[in-house]
Amino acid sequence: MPILPAGPLSYGMQLPIQSQSAMYAESWEAGATPADLAEIARTADLAGFTYLASCDHVAIPRRLAEAMSTVWYDPVATLAFLAGVTERVLLMSHVAVVGLRHPLATAKQYATLDHLSGGRLILGVGAGHVREEFDALGADFDGRGAVLDETVDALKAALGPEEYPEFAGERFSFGGLGQLPRPAQERVPVWVGGSSPAAVRRAAVRGDGWLPQGDPRDKLPAQIARLHALREAAGVEEPIVVGAITEPLYVGEPDWSVGRRTLSGKPEALAESLREYAAMGVHQIQVRFRSRGRTELTDQMAAFAADVAPHLDR
């Protein structure tokens, strides 16, 4: 079930456990298991979440480890594992730092994932921000924006229907090299992450979707207007899926401190607040729930799907 700009407000979530930055990870995630991750994915699948997302970092330097932690699961391996225990939920990289790898290598991984999952991939891409990762892998950190632009173009060719894709650019060129299996989708959607001016332009010109990173509500309308203006100026006629990351959520009245930024309360009130995103021109929201354990998280997910989601229609 693709996410369409003309449809109702969709909702998905970044998976817990697979990335444990101190900025958002709950304390219980440190001791969580693959079985916990699978149960959360199955809950999302059964509850009607549109997608699950997994991040991408190869290695974290010591200078950033306290804030970011070093727990970052590989997104292809993680999403492939979860494809096997789910049936309908879409699987998204949010985001794959594709400039770290040759586009043919990336295409091989994600084409296989899309094939095995029956066409459930959304390829979210971003420029990356950790210099040491690029240096260790021999990738161009200072030129990563231009590399990402060309990589997106190369990936669109490499993830198309052709067994022998062809591409010729300044950095990458390939032809006469066959890759099977092909993706199950005729065209894998590419969503661009980031909120910098360069990222918004990249999404406008090259993306099927935009994944803002950290934009508060009051900043989003101007960003969305710029996105559409740039897309129109570039002559891109296809609609673009606009996303947003919501504030942390807790369905109901918590009996513990969930933080002052968390939206909590009755389902109708939460839905009313979240509908403001749709009014701005957002098509899909990425939600995150405060929780003290896996069971509380899956209970929150189920409550959101049953009691909040039905009121999100614009």
C-alpha atoms as a PDB file:
ATOM      1  CA  MET A   1       0.000   0.000   0.000  1.00  0.00           C
ATOM      2  CA  PRO A   2       1.941   3.034  -1.227  1.00  0.00           C
ATOM      3  CA  ILE A   3       1.848   6.318   0.654  1.00  0.00           C
ATOM      4  CA  LEU A   4       0.132   8.837  -1.606  1.00  0.00           C
ATOM      5  CA  PRO A   5      -0.023  12.631  -1.310  1.00  0.00           C
ATOM      6  CA  ALA A   6      -3.747  12.485  -2.071  1.00  0.00           C
ATOM      7  CA  GLY A   7      -4.542   9.967   0.659  1.00  0.00           C
ATOM      8  CA  PRO A   8      -5.367  10.334   4.353  1.00  0.00           C
ATOM      9  CA  LEU A   9      -2.634  11.208   6.839  1.00  0.00           C
ATOM     10  CA  SER A  10      -0.455   8.101   7.150  1.00  0.00           C
ATOM     11  CA  TYR A  11       1.614   7.154  10.175  1.00  0.00           C
ATOM     12  CA  GLY A  12       4.738   5.082  10.643  1.00  0.00           C
ATOM     13  CA  MET A  13       7.496   4.802  13.198  1.00  0.00           C
ATOM     14  CA  GLN A  14      11.235   4.603  13.613  1.00  0.00           C
ATOM     15  CA  LEU A  15      11.985   1.283  15.231  1.00  0.00           C
ATOM     16  CA  PRO A  16      13.346   1.290  18.781  1.00  0.00           C
ATOM     17  CA  ILE A  17      16.278  -0.933  19.780  1.00  0.00           C
ATOM     18  CA  GLN A  18      17.972  -0.760  16.359  1.00  0.00           C
ATOM     19  CA  SER A  19      19.380   2.691  17.141  1.00  0.00           C
ATOM     20  CA  GLN A  20      19.973   3.887  20.675  1.00  0.00           C
ATOM     21  CA  SER A  21      21.024   7.501  20.596  1.00  0.00           C
ATOM     22  CA  ALA A  22      20.839   9.149  24.010  1.00  0.00           C
ATOM     23  CA  MET A  23      18.564  11.757  22.422  1.00  0.00           C
ATOM     24  CA  TYR A  24      15.606   9.392  22.190  1.00  0.00           C
ATOM     25  CA  ALA A  25      16.277   5.806  23.324  1.00  0.00           C
ATOM     26  CA  GLU A  26      14.383   4.514  26.344  1.00  0.00           C
ATOM     27  CA  SER A  27      16.427   2.832  29.089  1.00  0.00           C
ATOM     28  CA  TRP A  28      14.811  -0.585  28.545  1.00  0.00           C
ATOM     29  CA  GLU A  29      16.100  -0.779  24.966  1.00  0.00           C
ATOM     30  CA  ALA A  30      19.661  -1.512  26.132  1.00  0.00           C
ATOM     31  CA  GLY A  31      18.598  -4.965  27.292  1.00  0.00           C
ATOM     32  CA  ALA A  32      16.132  -5.680  24.479  1.00  0.00           C
ATOM     33  CA  THR A  33      16.437  -8.712  22.205  1.00  0.00           C
ATOM     34  CA  PRO A  34      15.739  -9.572  18.561  1.00  0.00           C
ATOM     35  CA  ALA A  35      12.521 -11.184  19.798  1.00  0.00           C
ATOM     36  CA  ASP A  36      11.434  -7.815  21.215  1.00  0.00           C
ATOM     37  CA  LEU A  37      12.181  -6.125  17.902  1.00  0.00           C
ATOM     38  CA  ALA A  38      10.202  -8.752  16.014  1.00  0.00           C
ATOM     39  CA  GLU A  39       7.215  -8.416  18.352  1.00  0.00           C
ATOM     40  CA  ILE A  40       7.172  -4.632  17.884  1.00  0.00           C
ATOM     41  CA  ALA A  41       7.254  -5.098  14.111  1.00  0.00           C
ATOM     42  CA  ARG A  42       4.416  -7.625  14.236  1.00  0.00           C
ATOM     43  CA  THR A  43       2.376  -5.216  16.354  1.00  0.00           C
ATOM     44  CA  ALA A  44       2.908  -2.451  13.805  1.00  0.00           C
ATOM     45  CA  ASP A  45       1.923  -4.830  11.007  1.00  0.00           C
ATOM     46  CA  LEU A  46      -1.290  -5.926  12.697  1.00  0.00           C
ATOM     47  CA  ALA A  47      -2.181  -2.443  13.947  1.00  0.00           C
ATOM     48  CA  GLY A  48      -2.050  -0.847  10.515  1.00  0.00           C
ATOM     49  CA  PHE A  49       1.110   1.233  10.741  1.00  0.00           C
ATOM     50  CA  THR A  50       2.168   2.209   7.242  1.00  0.00           C
ATOM     51  CA  TYR A  51       5.901   1.739   7.672  1.00  0.00           C
ATOM     52  CA  LEU A  52       8.738   0.814   9.991  1.00  0.00           C
ATOM     53  CA  ALA A  53      12.091   2.573   9.659  1.00  0.00           C
ATOM     54  CA  SER A  54      15.696   1.699  10.467  1.00  0.00           C
ATOM     55  CA  CYS A  55      18.743   4.002  10.596  1.00  0.00           C
ATOM     56  CA  ASP A  56      22.212   3.681   9.076  1.00  0.00           C
ATOM     57  CA  HIS A  57      25.600   4.186  10.739  1.00  0.00           C
ATOM     58  CA  VAL A  58      28.604   1.962  10.080  1.00  0.00           C
ATOM     59  CA  ALA A  59      30.739   2.988  13.065  1.00  0.00           C
ATOM     60  CA  ILE A  60      30.627   5.733  15.689  1.00  0.00           C
ATOM     61  CA  PRO A  61      33.811   7.515  16.800  1.00  0.00           C
ATOM     62  CA  ARG A  62      34.611   7.772  20.495  1.00  0.00           C
ATOM     63  CA  ARG A  63      34.024  11.525  20.507  1.00  0.00           C
ATOM     64  CA  LEU A  64      30.338  10.952  19.638  1.00  0.00           C
ATOM     65  CA  ALA A  65      29.714   7.655  21.405  1.00  0.00           C
ATOM     66  CA  GLU A  66      28.322   9.131  24.635  1.00  0.00           C
ATOM     67  CA  ALA A  67      25.611  11.058  22.789  1.00  0.00           C
ATOM     68  CA  MET A  68      24.950   8.706  19.889  1.00  0.00           C
ATOM     69  CA  SER A  69      25.934   5.352  21.458  1.00  0.00           C
ATOM     70  CA  THR A  70      27.463   2.694  19.246  1.00  0.00           C
ATOM     71  CA  VAL A  71      24.225   0.702  18.861  1.00  0.00           C
ATOM     72  CA  TRP A  72      23.192   1.070  15.248  1.00  0.00           C
ATOM     73  CA  TYR A  73      21.864  -2.043  13.532  1.00  0.00           C
ATOM     74  CA  ASP A  74      22.495  -2.456   9.823  1.00  0.00           C
ATOM     75  CA  PRO A  75      19.276  -1.319   8.085  1.00  0.00           C
ATOM     76  CA  VAL A  76      19.268  -3.898   5.285  1.00  0.00           C
ATOM     77  CA  ALA A  77      19.827  -6.823   7.650  1.00  0.00           C
ATOM     78  CA  THR A  78      17.292  -5.446  10.138  1.00  0.00           C
ATOM     79  CA  LEU A  79      14.557  -4.751   7.602  1.00  0.00           C
ATOM     80  CA  ALA A  80      15.112  -8.105   5.890  1.00  0.00           C
ATOM     81  CA  PHE A  81      14.763  -9.866   9.260  1.00  0.00           C
ATOM     82  CA  LEU A  82      11.531  -8.010   9.942  1.00  0.00           C
ATOM     83  CA  ALA A  83      10.216  -8.634   6.427  1.00  0.00           C
ATOM     84  CA  GLY A  84      10.126 -12.293   7.367  1.00  0.00           C
ATOM     85  CA  VAL A  85       7.870 -11.750  10.382  1.00  0.00           C
ATOM     86  CA  THR A  86       5.480  -9.199   8.831  1.00  0.00           C
ATOM     87  CA  GLU A  87       3.149  -9.171   5.847  1.00  0.00           C
ATOM     88  CA  ARG A  88       2.051  -5.682   4.854  1.00  0.00           C
ATOM     89  CA  VAL A  89       3.930  -2.931   6.695  1.00  0.00           C
ATOM     90  CA  LEU A  90       6.347  -1.001   4.480  1.00  0.00           C
ATOM     91  CA  LEU A  91      10.072  -1.109   5.273  1.00  0.00           C
ATOM     92  CA  MET A  92      12.036   2.145   5.140  1.00  0.00           C
ATOM     93  CA  SER A  93      15.648   3.146   5.559  1.00  0.00           C
ATOM     94  CA  HIS A  94      15.555   6.393   7.510  1.00  0.00           C
ATOM     95  CA  VAL A  95      18.037   7.157   6.327  1.00  0.00           C
ATOM     96  CA  ALA A  96      20.612   5.175   4.368  1.00  0.00           C
ATOM     97  CA  VAL A  97      23.881   7.090   4.041  1.00  0.00           C
ATOM     98  CA  VAL A  98      24.266   5.907   0.474  1.00  0.00           C
ATOM     99  CA  GLY A  99      27.349   8.048  -0.186  1.00  0.00           C
ATOM    100  CA  LEU A 100      29.358   5.585   1.890  1.00  0.00           C
ATOM    101  CA  ARG A 101      28.927   2.864  -0.730  1.00  0.00           C
ATOM    102  CA  HIS A 102      29.044   2.408  -4.487  1.00  0.00           C
ATOM    103  CA  PRO A 103      25.486   2.689  -5.885  1.00  0.00           C
ATOM    104  CA  LEU A 104      25.663  -0.769  -7.473  1.00  0.00           C
ATOM    105  CA  ALA A 105      26.423  -2.303  -4.085  1.00  0.00           C
ATOM    106  CA  THR A 106      23.559  -0.367  -2.506  1.00  0.00           C
ATOM    107  CA  ALA A 107      21.234  -1.344  -5.346  1.00  0.00           C
ATOM    108  CA  LYS A 108      22.087  -5.032  -4.931  1.00  0.00           C
ATOM    109  CA  GLN A 109      21.204  -4.932  -1.225  1.00  0.00           C
ATOM    110  CA  TYR A 110      17.989  -2.966  -1.480  1.00  0.00           C
ATOM    111  CA  ALA A 111      16.753  -4.659  -4.677  1.00  0.00           C
ATOM    112  CA  THR A 112      17.090  -7.991  -2.895  1.00  0.00           C
ATOM    113  CA  LEU A 113      15.248  -6.606   0.128  1.00  0.00           C
ATOM    114  CA  ASP A 114      12.414  -5.324  -2.039  1.00  0.00           C
ATOM    115  CA  HIS A 115      12.244  -8.645  -3.893  1.00  0.00           C
ATOM    116  CA  LEU A 116      12.166 -10.713  -0.713  1.00  0.00           C
ATOM    117  CA  SER A 117       9.587  -8.479   0.982  1.00  0.00           C
ATOM    118  CA  GLY A 118       7.197  -8.454  -1.965  1.00  0.00           C
ATOM    119  CA  GLY A 119       7.751  -4.799  -2.877  1.00  0.00           C
ATOM    120  CA  ARG A 120       7.611  -3.126   0.527  1.00  0.00           C
ATOM    121  CA  LEU A 121      10.753  -0.962   0.372  1.00  0.00           C
ATOM    122  CA  ILE A 122      10.949   2.795   0.739  1.00  0.00           C
ATOM    123  CA  LEU A 123      14.552   3.883   0.202  1.00  0.00           C
ATOM    124  CA  GLY A 124      15.192   6.875   2.437  1.00  0.00           C
ATOM    125  CA  VAL A 125      18.566   8.509   1.789  1.00  0.00           C
ATOM    126  CA  GLY A 126      20.653  11.193   3.473  1.00  0.00           C
ATOM    127  CA  ALA A 127      24.043  12.845   3.290  1.00  0.00           C
ATOM    128  CA  GLY A 128      25.442  11.675   6.634  1.00  0.00           C
ATOM    129  CA  HIS A 129      27.280  13.744   9.225  1.00  0.00           C
ATOM    130  CA  VAL A 130      30.049  11.626  10.804  1.00  0.00           C
ATOM    131  CA  ARG A 131      33.383  12.398   9.146  1.00  0.00           C
ATOM    132  CA  GLU A 132      35.174   9.431  10.658  1.00  0.00           C
ATOM    133  CA  GLU A 133      32.783   6.996   8.977  1.00  0.00           C
ATOM    134  CA  PHE A 134      33.547   8.477   5.577  1.00  0.00           C
ATOM    135  CA  ASP A 135      37.285   8.549   6.236  1.00  0.00           C
ATOM    136  CA  ALA A 136      37.368   4.918   7.367  1.00  0.00           C
ATOM    137  CA  LEU A 137      35.516   3.753   4.251  1.00  0.00           C
ATOM    138  CA  GLY A 138      37.421   5.974   1.830  1.00  0.00           C
ATOM    139  CA  ALA A 139      34.332   8.055   1.029  1.00  0.00           C
ATOM    140  CA  ASP A 140      34.237  11.789   0.276  1.00  0.00           C
ATOM    141  CA  PHE A 141      32.930  13.611   3.358  1.00  0.00           C
ATOM    142  CA  ASP A 142      33.495  17.189   2.189  1.00  0.00           C
ATOM    143  CA  GLY A 143      31.843  16.487  -1.157  1.00  0.00           C
ATOM    144  CA  ARG A 144      29.097  14.290   0.247  1.00  0.00           C
ATOM    145  CA  GLY A 145      26.265  16.514  -0.987  1.00  0.00           C
ATOM    146  CA  ALA A 146      27.311  16.277  -4.622  1.00  0.00           C
ATOM    147  CA  VAL A 147      28.058  12.580  -4.182  1.00  0.00           C
ATOM    148  CA  LEU A 148      24.565  12.028  -2.808  1.00  0.00           C
ATOM    149  CA  ASP A 149      22.969  13.884  -5.722  1.00  0.00           C
ATOM    150  CA  GLU A 150      24.710  11.641  -8.237  1.00  0.00           C
ATOM    151  CA  THR A 151      24.155   8.528  -6.145  1.00  0.00           C
ATOM    152  CA  VAL A 152      20.395   9.144  -6.090  1.00  0.00           C
ATOM    153  CA  ASP A 153      20.396   9.450  -9.880  1.00  0.00           C
ATOM    154  CA  ALA A 154      22.470   6.276 -10.189  1.00  0.00           C
ATOM    155  CA  LEU A 155      20.221   4.381  -7.789  1.00  0.00           C
ATOM    156  CA  LYS A 156      17.114   5.304  -9.740  1.00  0.00           C
ATOM    157  CA  ALA A 157      18.707   3.623 -12.747  1.00  0.00           C
ATOM    158  CA  ALA A 158      20.096   0.667 -10.808  1.00  0.00           C
ATOM    159  CA  LEU A 159      16.786  -0.006  -9.008  1.00  0.00           C
ATOM    160  CA  GLY A 160      14.678   0.207 -12.150  1.00  0.00           C
ATOM    161  CA  PRO A 161      13.236  -2.727 -14.088  1.00  0.00           C
ATOM    162  CA  GLU A 162      16.270  -3.345 -16.306  1.00  0.00           C
ATOM    163  CA  GLU A 163      18.423  -6.393 -15.643  1.00  0.00           C
ATOM    164  CA  TYR A 164      21.394  -4.495 -17.119  1.00  0.00           C
ATOM    165  CA  PRO A 165      20.988  -0.921 -15.849  1.00  0.00           C
ATOM    166  CA  GLU A 166      23.049   1.858 -17.356  1.00  0.00           C
ATOM    167  CA  PHE A 167      24.291   5.101 -15.856  1.00  0.00           C
ATOM    168  CA  ALA A 168      27.024   7.591 -16.727  1.00  0.00           C
ATOM    169  CA  GLY A 169      27.969  10.367 -14.303  1.00  0.00           C
ATOM    170  CA  GLU A 170      31.001  12.242 -13.094  1.00  0.00           C
ATOM    171  CA  ARG A 171      31.795   9.779 -10.296  1.00  0.00           C
ATOM    172  CA  PHE A 172      29.936   6.600 -11.214  1.00  0.00           C
ATOM    173  CA  SER A 173      29.414   4.838 -14.510  1.00  0.00           C
ATOM    174  CA  PHE A 174      28.098   1.348 -15.166  1.00  0.00           C
ATOM    175  CA  GLY A 175      26.610  -0.643 -18.007  1.00  0.00           C
ATOM    176  CA  GLY A 176      26.561  -4.194 -19.241  1.00  0.00           C
ATOM    177  CA  LEU A 177      26.446  -5.523 -15.687  1.00  0.00           C
ATOM    178  CA  GLY A 178      23.394  -7.590 -14.824  1.00  0.00           C
ATOM    179  CA  GLN A 179      21.766  -7.649 -11.410  1.00  0.00           C
ATOM    180  CA  LEU A 180      19.058 -10.102 -10.487  1.00  0.00           C
ATOM    181  CA  PRO A 181      16.765 -10.284  -8.666  1.00  0.00           C
ATOM    182  CA  ARG A 182      15.114  -7.027  -9.653  1.00  0.00           C
ATOM    183  CA  PRO A 183      12.998  -5.126  -7.121  1.00  0.00           C
ATOM    184  CA  ALA A 184       9.403  -6.333  -6.911  1.00  0.00           C
ATOM    185  CA  GLN A 185       8.276  -2.742  -7.398  1.00  0.00           C
ATOM    186  CA  GLU A 186       8.503  -1.300 -10.874  1.00  0.00           C
ATOM    187  CA  ARG A 187       9.885   1.858  -9.286  1.00  0.00           C
ATOM    188  CA  VAL A 188      11.296   1.963  -5.757  1.00  0.00           C
ATOM    189  CA  PRO A 189      10.319   5.250  -4.071  1.00  0.00           C
ATOM    190  CA  VAL A 190      13.296   7.362  -2.980  1.00  0.00           C
ATOM    191  CA  TRP A 191      12.688   9.728  -0.086  1.00  0.00           C
ATOM    192  CA  VAL A 192      15.299  12.324   0.784  1.00  0.00           C
ATOM    193  CA  GLY A 193      16.054  13.107   4.426  1.00  0.00           C
ATOM    194  CA  GLY A 194      17.278  16.336   5.969  1.00  0.00           C
ATOM    195  CA  SER A 195      16.181  19.898   6.602  1.00  0.00           C
ATOM    196  CA  SER A 196      19.170  21.927   5.434  1.00  0.00           C
ATOM    197  CA  PRO A 197      18.672  24.118   2.348  1.00  0.00           C
ATOM    198  CA  ALA A 198      20.665  21.604   0.292  1.00  0.00           C
ATOM    199  CA  ALA A 199      18.578  18.680   1.558  1.00  0.00           C
ATOM    200  CA  VAL A 200      15.273  20.426   0.831  1.00  0.00           C
ATOM    201  CA  ARG A 201      16.480  21.269  -2.683  1.00  0.00           C
ATOM    202  CA  ARG A 202      17.615  17.685  -3.195  1.00  0.00           C
ATOM    203  CA  ALA A 203      14.224  16.368  -2.096  1.00  0.00           C
ATOM    204  CA  ALA A 204      12.422  18.849  -4.330  1.00  0.00           C
ATOM    205  CA  VAL A 205      14.425  18.026  -7.441  1.00  0.00           C
ATOM    206  CA  ARG A 206      15.182  14.323  -6.976  1.00  0.00           C
ATOM    207  CA  GLY A 207      12.891  12.859  -4.339  1.00  0.00           C
ATOM    208  CA  ASP A 208       9.599  11.029  -4.345  1.00  0.00           C
ATOM    209  CA  GLY A 209       9.290  12.047  -0.706  1.00  0.00           C
ATOM    210  CA  TRP A 210      10.829  14.393   1.856  1.00  0.00           C
ATOM    211  CA  LEU A 211      11.818  13.340   5.369  1.00  0.00           C
ATOM    212  CA  PRO A 212      12.509  16.475   7.433  1.00  0.00           C
ATOM    213  CA  GLN A 213      14.830  16.107  10.365  1.00  0.00           C
ATOM    214  CA  GLY A 214      14.019  18.015  13.520  1.00  0.00           C
ATOM    215  CA  ASP A 215      11.866  20.798  12.084  1.00  0.00           C
ATOM    216  CA  PRO A 216       9.487  22.084  14.786  1.00  0.00           C
ATOM    217  CA  ARG A 217       5.882  22.700  13.818  1.00  0.00           C
ATOM    218  CA  ASP A 218       6.268  26.438  13.402  1.00  0.00           C
ATOM    219  CA  LYS A 219       9.097  25.972  10.890  1.00  0.00           C
ATOM    220  CA  LEU A 220       7.443  23.344   8.711  1.00  0.00           C
ATOM    221  CA  PRO A 221       5.017  25.501   6.672  1.00  0.00           C
ATOM    222  CA  ALA A 222       7.828  27.671   5.293  1.00  0.00           C
ATOM    223  CA  GLN A 223       9.952  24.596   4.549  1.00  0.00           C
ATOM    224  CA  ILE A 224       7.068  22.891   2.749  1.00  0.00           C
ATOM    225  CA  ALA A 225       6.351  26.009   0.705  1.00  0.00           C
ATOM    226  CA  ARG A 226      10.005  26.178  -0.333  1.00  0.00           C
ATOM    227  CA  LEU A 227       9.992  22.482  -1.211  1.00  0.00           C
ATOM    228  CA  HIS A 228       7.045  22.904  -3.572  1.00  0.00           C
ATOM    229  CA  ALA A 229       8.430  26.109  -5.080  1.00  0.00           C
ATOM    230  CA  LEU A 230      11.753  24.459  -5.850  1.00  0.00           C
ATOM    231  CA  ARG A 231      10.020  21.434  -7.315  1.00  0.00           C
ATOM    232  CA  GLU A 232       7.863  23.584  -9.558  1.00  0.00           C
ATOM    233  CA  ALA A 233      10.871  25.654 -10.654  1.00  0.00           C
ATOM    234  CA  ALA A 234      12.703  22.445 -11.565  1.00  0.00           C
ATOM    235  CA  GLY A 235       9.779  21.342 -13.708  1.00  0.00           C
ATOM    236  CA  VAL A 236       9.067  18.201 -11.684  1.00  0.00           C
ATOM    237  CA  GLU A 237       5.377  17.466 -12.113  1.00  0.00           C
ATOM    238  CA  GLU A 238       5.019  14.320 -10.015  1.00  0.00           C
ATOM    239  CA  PRO A 239       3.612  14.925  -6.518  1.00  0.00           C
ATOM    240  CA  ILE A 240       5.924  14.488  -3.551  1.00  0.00           C
ATOM    241  CA  VAL A 241       5.119  12.829  -0.217  1.00  0.00           C
ATOM    242  CA  VAL A 242       5.829  15.275   2.618  1.00  0.00           C
ATOM    243  CA  GLY A 243       6.678  13.865   6.027  1.00  0.00           C
ATOM    244  CA  ALA A 244       7.118  15.114   9.572  1.00  0.00           C
ATOM    245  CA  ILE A 245       8.464  13.714  12.826  1.00  0.00           C
ATOM    246  CA  THR A 246       5.976  14.390  15.596  1.00  0.00           C
ATOM    247  CA  GLU A 247       6.595  15.168  19.212  1.00  0.00           C
ATOM    248  CA  PRO A 248       6.851  12.102  21.489  1.00  0.00           C
ATOM    249  CA  LEU A 249       3.408  10.665  22.223  1.00  0.00           C
ATOM    250  CA  TYR A 250       1.636   8.905  25.062  1.00  0.00           C
ATOM    251  CA  VAL A 251      -1.963   7.787  24.551  1.00  0.00           C
ATOM    252  CA  GLY A 252      -3.901   8.398  27.765  1.00  0.00           C
ATOM    253  CA  GLU A 253      -2.937  10.000  31.051  1.00  0.00           C
ATOM    254  CA  PRO A 254       0.502   8.750  32.141  1.00  0.00           C
ATOM    255  CA  ASP A 255       1.222   8.038  35.796  1.00  0.00           C
ATOM    256  CA  TRP A 256       4.942   8.695  35.261  1.00  0.00           C
ATOM    257  CA  SER A 257       6.992  11.567  33.907  1.00  0.00           C
ATOM    258  CA  VAL A 258       6.950  11.406  30.115  1.00  0.00           C
ATOM    259  CA  GLY A 259       8.672  14.766  29.592  1.00  0.00           C
ATOM    260  CA  ARG A 260       7.270  18.208  28.933  1.00  0.00           C
ATOM    261  CA  ARG A 261       7.495  17.917  25.137  1.00  0.00           C
ATOM    262  CA  THR A 262       5.416  14.746  25.036  1.00  0.00           C
ATOM    263  CA  LEU A 263       1.863  15.001  23.744  1.00  0.00           C
ATOM    264  CA  SER A 264      -0.382  12.967  26.023  1.00  0.00           C
ATOM    265  CA  GLY A 265      -4.047  12.743  26.866  1.00  0.00           C
ATOM    266  CA  LYS A 266      -7.286  11.502  25.384  1.00  0.00           C
ATOM    267  CA  PRO A 267      -7.191  10.063  21.872  1.00  0.00           C
ATOM    268  CA  GLU A 268      -9.461  12.757  20.442  1.00  0.00           C
ATOM    269  CA  ALA A 269      -7.172  15.501  21.740  1.00  0.00           C
ATOM    270  CA  LEU A 270      -4.088  13.807  20.337  1.00  0.00           C
ATOM    271  CA  ALA A 271      -5.766  13.381  16.961  1.00  0.00           C
ATOM    272  CA  GLU A 272      -6.808  17.033  16.906  1.00  0.00           C
ATOM    273  CA  SER A 273      -3.228  18.089  17.568  1.00  0.00           C
ATOM    274  CA  LEU A 274      -1.781  15.745  14.934  1.00  0.00           C
ATOM    275  CA  ARG A 275      -4.276  16.907  12.318  1.00  0.00           C
ATOM    276  CA  GLU A 276      -2.432  20.221  12.357  1.00  0.00           C
ATOM    277  CA  TYR A 277       0.314  18.482  10.410  1.00  0.00           C
ATOM    278  CA  ALA A 278      -2.133  17.575   7.662  1.00  0.00           C
ATOM    279  CA  ALA A 279      -3.320  21.178   7.529  1.00  0.00           C
ATOM    280  CA  MET A 280       0.277  22.239   6.805  1.00  0.00           C
ATOM    281  CA  GLY A 281       0.503  19.898   3.820  1.00  0.00           C
ATOM    282  CA  VAL A 282       2.088  16.895   5.545  1.00  0.00           C
ATOM    283  CA  HIS A 283       1.095  13.478   4.176  1.00  0.00           C
ATOM    284  CA  GLN A 284       2.769  11.111   6.630  1.00  0.00           C
ATOM    285  CA  ILE A 285       3.834  11.473  10.238  1.00  0.00           C
ATOM    286  CA  GLN A 286       6.516   9.501  12.012  1.00  0.00           C
ATOM    287  CA  VAL A 287       5.422   8.845  15.591  1.00  0.00           C
ATOM    288  CA  ARG A 288       7.353   7.785  18.673  1.00  0.00           C
ATOM    289  CA  PHE A 289       5.864   6.631  21.963  1.00  0.00           C
ATOM    290  CA  ARG A 290       7.269   7.019  25.460  1.00  0.00           C
ATOM    291  CA  SER A 291       7.473   3.660  27.190  1.00  0.00           C
ATOM    292  CA  ARG A 292       9.125   1.776  30.057  1.00  0.00           C
ATOM    293  CA  GLY A 293       9.251  -1.590  28.341  1.00  0.00           C
ATOM    294  CA  ARG A 294       8.276  -3.519  25.254  1.00  0.00           C
ATOM    295  CA  THR A 295       4.791  -4.341  26.498  1.00  0.00           C
ATOM    296  CA  GLU A 296       3.988  -0.727  27.287  1.00  0.00           C
ATOM    297  CA  LEU A 297       5.274   0.265  23.853  1.00  0.00           C
ATOM    298  CA  THR A 298       3.178  -2.294  21.986  1.00  0.00           C
ATOM    299  CA  ASP A 299       0.155  -1.328  24.107  1.00  0.00           C
ATOM    300  CA  GLN A 300       0.723   2.304  23.128  1.00  0.00           C
ATOM    301  CA  MET A 301       1.014   1.372  19.464  1.00  0.00           C
ATOM    302  CA  ALA A 302      -2.217  -0.615  19.583  1.00  0.00           C
ATOM    303  CA  ALA A 303      -4.042   2.196  21.413  1.00  0.00           C
ATOM    304  CA  PHE A 304      -2.847   4.752  18.879  1.00  0.00           C
ATOM    305  CA  ALA A 305      -4.003   2.624  15.956  1.00  0.00           C
ATOM    306  CA  ALA A 306      -7.380   1.844  17.497  1.00  0.00           C
ATOM    307  CA  ASP A 307      -8.283   5.140  19.145  1.00  0.00           C
ATOM    308  CA  VAL A 308      -6.244   7.952  17.551  1.00  0.00           C
ATOM    309  CA  ALA A 309      -5.626   6.952  13.940  1.00  0.00           C
ATOM    310  CA  PRO A 310      -9.317   6.780  12.935  1.00  0.00           C
ATOM    311  CA  HIS A 311      -9.562  10.519  13.696  1.00  0.00           C
ATOM    312  CA  LEU A 312      -6.551  11.540  11.578  1.00  0.00           C
ATOM    313  CA  ASP A 313      -8.380  11.758   8.275  1.00  0.00           C
ATOM    314  CA  ARG A 314      -8.262  15.228   6.868  1.00  0.00           C
END
